[in-house]
């Protein structure tokens, strides 16, 4: 919206999109790390997955 009205530059929009993608990737990585840590803890405790 702000880009269409001329308040921000194209590079600002691209940088914002890149930041959003990086945050999404970080969240996905964190979810995977939590899953692995949980499975490792259960394994070390002798519990079934």
N, C-alpha and C. Protein backbone atom coordinates (compact mmCIF):
# COMPACT_ATOMS: atom_id res chain seq x y z
N UNK A 1 0.82 -1.18 0.00
CA UNK A 1 0.00 0.00 0.00
C UNK A 1 0.88 1.26 0.00
N UNK A 2 1.83 1.34 0.93
CA UNK A 2 2.70 2.51 0.98
C UNK A 2 3.55 2.62 -0.28
N UNK A 3 3.95 1.46 -0.85
CA UNK A 3 4.75 1.48 -2.07
C UNK A 3 3.96 2.09 -3.21
N UNK A 4 2.69 1.67 -3.33
CA UNK A 4 1.85 2.18 -4.42
C UNK A 4 1.62 3.68 -4.28
N UNK A 5 1.60 4.16 -3.04
CA UNK A 5 1.40 5.60 -2.81
C UNK A 5 2.69 6.39 -2.91
N UNK A 6 3.82 5.71 -3.05
CA UNK A 6 5.09 6.38 -3.23
C UNK A 6 5.81 6.75 -1.95
N UNK A 7 5.40 6.16 -0.83
CA UNK A 7 6.03 6.51 0.45
C UNK A 7 7.30 5.71 0.73
N UNK A 8 7.45 4.56 0.09
CA UNK A 8 8.65 3.75 0.29
C UNK A 8 9.24 3.38 -1.07
N UNK A 9 10.53 3.08 -1.05
CA UNK A 9 11.23 2.71 -2.28
C UNK A 9 11.06 1.23 -2.56
N UNK A 10 11.31 0.86 -3.80
CA UNK A 10 11.24 -0.55 -4.22
C UNK A 10 12.24 -1.39 -3.42
N UNK A 11 13.40 -0.83 -3.15
CA UNK A 11 14.41 -1.58 -2.39
C UNK A 11 13.94 -1.82 -0.96
N UNK A 12 13.19 -0.88 -0.39
CA UNK A 12 12.64 -1.07 0.96
C UNK A 12 11.65 -2.23 0.98
N UNK A 13 10.83 -2.29 -0.05
CA UNK A 13 9.85 -3.38 -0.16
C UNK A 13 10.58 -4.71 -0.31
N UNK A 14 11.60 -4.75 -1.13
CA UNK A 14 12.36 -5.99 -1.33
C UNK A 14 13.04 -6.41 -0.03
N UNK A 15 13.59 -5.46 0.69
CA UNK A 15 14.26 -5.76 1.96
C UNK A 15 13.26 -6.30 2.97
N UNK A 16 12.07 -5.72 3.01
CA UNK A 16 11.03 -6.19 3.92
C UNK A 16 10.61 -7.62 3.58
N UNK A 17 10.44 -7.90 2.29
CA UNK A 17 10.08 -9.26 1.87
C UNK A 17 11.17 -10.25 2.26
N UNK A 18 12.42 -9.86 2.10
CA UNK A 18 13.53 -10.72 2.47
C UNK A 18 13.54 -10.97 3.98
N UNK A 19 13.27 -9.94 4.75
CA UNK A 19 13.21 -10.08 6.20
C UNK A 19 12.10 -11.04 6.61
N UNK A 20 10.95 -10.93 5.98
CA UNK A 20 9.83 -11.82 6.29
C UNK A 20 10.20 -13.27 5.95
N UNK A 21 10.82 -13.49 4.81
CA UNK A 21 11.23 -14.84 4.43
C UNK A 21 12.26 -15.40 5.41
N UNK A 22 13.20 -14.58 5.84
CA UNK A 22 14.20 -15.02 6.82
C UNK A 22 13.56 -15.40 8.14
N UNK A 23 12.59 -14.61 8.58
CA UNK A 23 11.88 -14.93 9.82
C UNK A 23 11.09 -16.24 9.71
N UNK A 24 10.44 -16.45 8.57
CA UNK A 24 9.70 -17.68 8.34
C UNK A 24 10.64 -18.88 8.36
N UNK A 25 11.79 -18.74 7.72
CA UNK A 25 12.78 -19.82 7.71
C UNK A 25 13.30 -20.09 9.11
N UNK A 26 13.52 -19.04 9.88
CA UNK A 26 14.00 -19.21 11.26
C UNK A 26 12.96 -19.94 12.10
N UNK A 27 11.70 -19.60 11.93
CA UNK A 27 10.63 -20.29 12.66
C UNK A 27 10.55 -21.76 12.28
N UNK A 28 10.68 -22.06 11.00
CA UNK A 28 10.66 -23.46 10.56
C UNK A 28 11.84 -24.23 11.14
N UNK A 29 13.01 -23.62 11.15
CA UNK A 29 14.19 -24.25 11.72
C UNK A 29 14.00 -24.50 13.21
N UNK A 30 13.46 -23.53 13.90
CA UNK A 30 13.21 -23.67 15.33
C UNK A 30 12.23 -24.80 15.62
N UNK A 31 11.17 -24.91 14.83
CA UNK A 31 10.21 -26.01 15.00
C UNK A 31 10.90 -27.36 14.83
N UNK A 32 11.77 -27.47 13.84
CA UNK A 32 12.48 -28.73 13.62
C UNK A 32 13.44 -29.03 14.77
N UNK A 33 14.11 -28.00 15.29
CA UNK A 33 15.03 -28.20 16.41
C UNK A 33 14.28 -28.64 17.67
N UNK A 34 13.11 -28.07 17.90
CA UNK A 34 12.30 -28.47 19.05
C UNK A 34 11.88 -29.92 18.91
N UNK A 35 11.49 -30.33 17.72
CA UNK A 35 11.09 -31.71 17.47
C UNK A 35 12.25 -32.67 17.72
N UNK A 36 13.42 -32.34 17.21
CA UNK A 36 14.60 -33.20 17.39
C UNK A 36 14.98 -33.28 18.87
N UNK A 37 14.96 -32.15 19.56
CA UNK A 37 15.31 -32.13 20.98
C UNK A 37 14.33 -32.97 21.79
N UNK A 38 13.07 -32.87 21.47
CA UNK A 38 12.05 -33.67 22.17
C UNK A 38 12.25 -35.16 21.93
N UNK A 39 12.52 -35.53 20.69
CA UNK A 39 12.74 -36.93 20.38
C UNK A 39 14.01 -37.46 21.05
N UNK A 40 15.06 -36.63 21.10
CA UNK A 40 16.30 -37.03 21.75
C UNK A 40 16.08 -37.23 23.24
N UNK A 41 15.35 -36.33 23.87
CA UNK A 41 15.07 -36.46 25.29
C UNK A 41 14.29 -37.73 25.58
N UNK A 42 13.28 -38.00 24.77
CA UNK A 42 12.51 -39.24 24.96
C UNK A 42 13.38 -40.47 24.76
N UNK A 43 14.27 -40.44 23.79
CA UNK A 43 15.19 -41.55 23.55
C UNK A 43 16.09 -41.75 24.75
N UNK A 44 16.64 -40.66 25.27
CA UNK A 44 17.55 -40.78 26.41
C UNK A 44 16.84 -41.25 27.68
N UNK A 45 15.54 -40.97 27.78
CA UNK A 45 14.76 -41.41 28.93
C UNK A 45 14.21 -42.82 28.75
N UNK A 46 14.42 -43.38 27.55
CA UNK A 46 13.94 -44.73 27.28
C UNK A 46 12.46 -44.79 26.93
N UNK A 47 11.90 -43.67 26.55
CA UNK A 47 10.48 -43.63 26.18
C UNK A 47 10.32 -43.89 24.68
N UNK A 48 9.14 -44.36 24.31
CA UNK A 48 8.86 -44.56 22.89
C UNK A 48 8.49 -43.21 22.27
N UNK A 49 8.83 -43.06 21.00
CA UNK A 49 8.50 -41.79 20.30
C UNK A 49 7.07 -41.69 20.01
